[in-house]
Amino acid sequence: MSQRTSPTRWGRTCGRLQLLEISITTALGLAVLIVVLAPVSGAHFNPVVSLADWYFGRHLHHGPTLSVAAAYIGAQVPGGVAGALLANLMFDVPTAISTTVRSSPGLFLAEAVATAGLVAVIFLLVRTGRPGLAGPAVGAYIGAAYWFTSSTSFANPAVTVGRIFSDTFAGIAPGSVLPFVLAQVLGCAIGIAVVAALYPMPARDEAAK
């Protein structure tokens, strides 16, 4: 068998095609969900985004309170698990605990970068008066981040926990979850710092005008 048609190269090609399919589907689906559900709950699908929203709004009396953010997170994590289980059922994939270990420093760095970028995209749009663009912008960002990060941009603790129950190339072994989530929380903090540096928090009396 020639190198051109070797199993290794064929496997890599199939993997890239799978990633392309998933990135396009995620980008379009996420954009639609945000646009449709934003009027209902603010489209809070991601614990780090909910925490960032609480952080930015805590002095200006808008956005979720800490208790509301905690309630969002309490729904997001089971929702991530339910989504993984539903996907298993739809594609006739047996539900099993993932054995895909993700433990390299590069992957953790990639998750921090992906999450920081996501938080920055959302709240820079909010602070510049363009929240209506969040749906397509977030969808486009996550779709691109599948490719420019080595971790394929989970960027969401709820999704990370959910992927424990997907024993596919998209899954994550339970032992890799905590470092991933810590990297995402770090990325959230970096994203908040970037937003605050570019568009400082307005004074309370100015925000009330």
Protein backbone atom coordinates (compact mmCIF):
# COMPACT_ATOMS: atom_id res chain seq x y z
CA MET A 1 0.00 0.00 0.00
CA SER A 2 1.39 3.39 -0.94
CA GLN A 3 1.88 6.17 1.55
CA ARG A 4 -0.87 8.10 -0.16
CA THR A 5 -3.42 5.46 0.75
CA SER A 6 -1.88 4.25 4.00
CA PRO A 7 -4.22 3.51 6.92
CA THR A 8 -2.55 6.22 9.01
CA ARG A 9 -3.10 8.93 6.44
CA TRP A 10 -6.62 7.71 5.74
CA GLY A 11 -7.39 7.81 9.45
CA ARG A 12 -6.11 11.36 9.73
CA THR A 13 -8.21 12.42 6.76
CA CYS A 14 -11.34 10.89 8.28
CA GLY A 15 -10.57 12.58 11.58
CA ARG A 16 -10.29 15.98 9.90
CA LEU A 17 -13.55 15.42 8.04
CA GLN A 18 -15.27 14.51 11.31
CA LEU A 19 -13.90 17.64 12.94
CA LEU A 20 -15.09 19.76 10.00
CA GLU A 21 -18.58 18.29 10.25
CA ILE A 22 -18.74 18.84 14.00
CA SER A 23 -17.37 22.38 13.87
CA ILE A 24 -19.86 23.46 11.20
CA THR A 25 -22.77 21.81 13.00
CA THR A 26 -21.79 23.31 16.35
CA ALA A 27 -21.29 26.80 14.91
CA LEU A 28 -24.66 26.89 13.17
CA GLY A 29 -26.59 25.11 15.92
CA LEU A 30 -25.14 27.27 18.69
CA ALA A 31 -25.93 30.47 16.80
CA VAL A 32 -29.55 29.38 16.33
CA LEU A 33 -29.98 28.35 19.97
CA ILE A 34 -28.59 31.65 21.24
CA VAL A 35 -30.84 33.73 18.99
CA VAL A 36 -33.94 31.69 19.83
CA LEU A 37 -33.40 31.30 23.58
CA ALA A 38 -31.83 34.65 24.44
CA PRO A 39 -35.24 36.22 25.19
CA VAL A 40 -36.08 33.31 27.53
CA SER A 41 -32.99 32.97 29.72
CA GLY A 42 -30.33 35.12 28.13
CA ALA A 43 -29.12 31.91 26.44
CA HIS A 44 -27.12 30.86 29.48
CA PHE A 45 -25.63 27.55 28.35
CA ASN A 46 -22.20 27.92 29.91
CA PRO A 47 -21.26 28.17 33.62
CA VAL A 48 -18.24 30.42 33.00
CA VAL A 49 -20.36 32.81 30.93
CA SER A 50 -22.98 32.93 33.70
CA LEU A 51 -20.25 33.68 36.26
CA ALA A 52 -18.80 36.40 34.04
CA ASP A 53 -22.27 37.92 33.58
CA TRP A 54 -22.74 37.98 37.35
CA TYR A 55 -19.29 39.53 37.83
CA PHE A 56 -19.85 42.33 35.34
CA GLY A 57 -23.35 43.10 36.56
CA ARG A 58 -22.85 42.88 40.32
CA HIS A 59 -22.14 46.62 40.79
CA LEU A 60 -24.57 47.85 38.14
CA HIS A 61 -27.65 45.95 39.29
CA HIS A 62 -28.18 44.08 36.04
CA GLY A 63 -27.48 40.53 34.99
CA PRO A 64 -28.00 37.51 37.24
CA THR A 65 -27.44 37.60 40.98
CA LEU A 66 -25.01 35.06 42.38
CA SER A 67 -27.89 32.82 43.43
CA VAL A 68 -29.43 33.01 39.96
CA ALA A 69 -26.06 32.25 38.36
CA ALA A 70 -25.76 29.23 40.66
CA ALA A 71 -29.23 28.10 39.58
CA TYR A 72 -28.20 28.43 35.94
CA ILE A 73 -25.12 26.29 36.60
CA GLY A 74 -27.29 23.76 38.42
CA ALA A 75 -29.30 23.37 35.21
CA GLN A 76 -26.40 23.64 32.75
CA VAL A 77 -24.38 20.69 34.05
CA PRO A 78 -27.27 18.17 34.01
CA GLY A 79 -28.23 19.64 30.64
CA GLY A 80 -24.75 18.88 29.30
CA VAL A 81 -25.04 15.30 30.51
CA ALA A 82 -28.55 14.94 29.07
CA GLY A 83 -27.32 16.28 25.72
CA ALA A 84 -24.55 13.68 25.57
CA LEU A 85 -26.98 10.88 26.46
CA LEU A 86 -29.46 12.10 23.84
CA ALA A 87 -26.73 12.15 21.19
CA ASN A 88 -25.81 8.57 22.09
CA LEU A 89 -29.41 7.52 21.58
CA MET A 90 -29.84 9.34 18.29
CA PHE A 91 -26.68 7.87 16.78
CA ASP A 92 -27.06 4.39 18.33
CA VAL A 93 -23.85 4.78 20.29
CA PRO A 94 -23.73 2.78 23.53
CA THR A 95 -23.51 5.03 26.57
CA ALA A 96 -20.18 4.42 28.28
CA ILE A 97 -17.69 6.38 30.33
CA SER A 98 -15.09 7.96 28.06
CA THR A 99 -11.57 6.56 27.99
CA THR A 100 -10.12 9.50 26.04
CA VAL A 101 -7.39 10.96 28.25
CA ARG A 102 -6.70 14.66 27.71
CA SER A 103 -3.87 15.56 30.03
CA SER A 104 -1.14 17.52 28.24
CA PRO A 105 -0.22 21.08 29.28
CA GLY A 106 -0.88 22.22 25.72
CA LEU A 107 -4.50 21.09 25.94
CA PHE A 108 -5.01 22.93 29.23
CA LEU A 109 -3.49 26.07 27.74
CA ALA A 110 -5.74 25.71 24.71
CA GLU A 111 -8.82 25.49 26.95
CA ALA A 112 -7.80 28.62 28.82
CA VAL A 113 -7.28 30.47 25.52
CA ALA A 114 -10.57 29.20 24.05
CA THR A 115 -12.56 30.18 27.14
CA ALA A 116 -10.91 33.59 27.46
CA GLY A 117 -11.74 34.34 23.85
CA LEU A 118 -15.34 33.23 24.26
CA VAL A 119 -15.90 35.43 27.31
CA ALA A 120 -14.22 38.36 25.57
CA VAL A 121 -16.33 38.00 22.43
CA ILE A 122 -19.60 37.95 24.36
CA PHE A 123 -18.96 40.80 26.76
CA LEU A 124 -17.13 43.06 24.35
CA LEU A 125 -20.25 42.91 22.22
CA VAL A 126 -22.41 43.66 25.26
CA ARG A 127 -20.26 46.59 26.34
CA THR A 128 -20.26 48.11 22.88
CA GLY A 129 -24.03 47.92 22.60
CA ARG A 130 -24.19 45.03 20.14
CA PRO A 131 -25.60 42.10 22.14
CA GLY A 132 -27.80 41.11 19.20
CA LEU A 133 -24.69 39.90 17.38
CA ALA A 134 -23.81 37.42 20.12
CA GLY A 135 -25.53 34.49 18.41
CA PRO A 136 -23.67 34.54 15.10
CA ALA A 137 -20.45 35.82 16.71
CA VAL A 138 -20.32 33.09 19.35
CA GLY A 139 -21.23 30.42 16.81
CA ALA A 140 -18.49 31.61 14.46
CA TYR A 141 -15.95 31.84 17.28
CA ILE A 142 -16.59 28.32 18.59
CA GLY A 143 -16.60 26.91 15.06
CA ALA A 144 -13.21 28.51 14.41
CA ALA A 145 -11.85 27.54 17.83
CA TYR A 146 -12.35 23.87 17.00
CA TRP A 147 -9.49 24.39 14.56
CA PHE A 148 -7.19 26.95 16.16
CA THR A 149 -7.01 25.20 19.55
CA SER A 150 -5.46 21.80 20.20
CA SER A 151 -8.28 20.91 22.62
CA THR A 152 -11.03 21.52 20.01
CA SER A 153 -12.40 24.20 22.32
CA PHE A 154 -14.70 22.66 24.90
CA ALA A 155 -14.72 26.12 26.59
CA ASN A 156 -17.66 25.07 28.76
CA PRO A 157 -17.56 23.13 32.06
CA ALA A 158 -21.06 21.74 31.49
CA VAL A 159 -20.06 20.36 28.09
CA THR A 160 -16.87 19.00 29.61
CA VAL A 161 -18.80 17.03 32.22
CA GLY A 162 -21.30 15.85 29.61
CA ARG A 163 -18.57 14.48 27.38
CA ILE A 164 -17.60 12.03 30.12
CA PHE A 165 -20.54 9.97 28.87
CA SER A 166 -19.39 9.89 25.25
CA ASP A 167 -16.79 7.18 24.66
CA THR A 168 -15.90 8.57 21.24
CA PHE A 169 -13.08 10.76 19.96
CA ALA A 170 -15.10 13.72 21.31
CA GLY A 171 -15.22 12.38 24.86
CA ILE A 172 -13.05 13.09 27.86
CA ALA A 173 -11.99 10.66 30.58
CA PRO A 174 -13.20 11.54 34.10
CA GLY A 175 -9.63 12.02 35.33
CA SER A 176 -9.07 14.78 32.76
CA VAL A 177 -12.17 16.79 33.67
CA LEU A 178 -10.95 18.74 36.70
CA PRO A 179 -7.83 20.17 34.99
CA PHE A 180 -9.97 21.10 31.98
CA VAL A 181 -12.53 22.89 34.16
CA LEU A 182 -9.79 24.70 36.10
CA ALA A 183 -8.28 25.84 32.78
CA GLN A 184 -11.71 27.09 31.71
CA VAL A 185 -12.16 29.03 34.96
CA LEU A 186 -8.72 30.56 34.47
CA GLY A 187 -9.68 31.45 30.91
CA CYS A 188 -12.86 33.08 32.20
CA ALA A 189 -10.81 35.27 34.55
CA ILE A 190 -8.48 36.24 31.70
CA GLY A 191 -11.43 37.06 29.46
CA ILE A 192 -12.95 39.25 32.17
CA ALA A 193 -9.63 41.07 32.55
CA VAL A 194 -9.40 41.67 28.81
CA VAL A 195 -12.92 43.10 28.65
CA ALA A 196 -12.33 45.30 31.71
CA ALA A 197 -9.06 46.59 30.23
CA LEU A 198 -10.56 47.44 26.84
CA TYR A 199 -13.86 48.81 28.15
CA PRO A 200 -13.56 49.75 31.83
CA MET A 201 -16.60 49.37 34.04
CA PRO A 202 -18.75 52.52 33.92
CA ALA A 203 -19.50 54.28 37.18
CA ARG A 204 -22.77 53.30 38.80
CA ASP A 205 -24.32 56.75 38.29
CA GLU A 206 -23.31 56.71 34.61
CA ALA A 207 -24.80 53.26 34.11
CA ALA A 208 -28.08 54.45 35.56
CA LYS A 209 -28.47 57.22 32.99
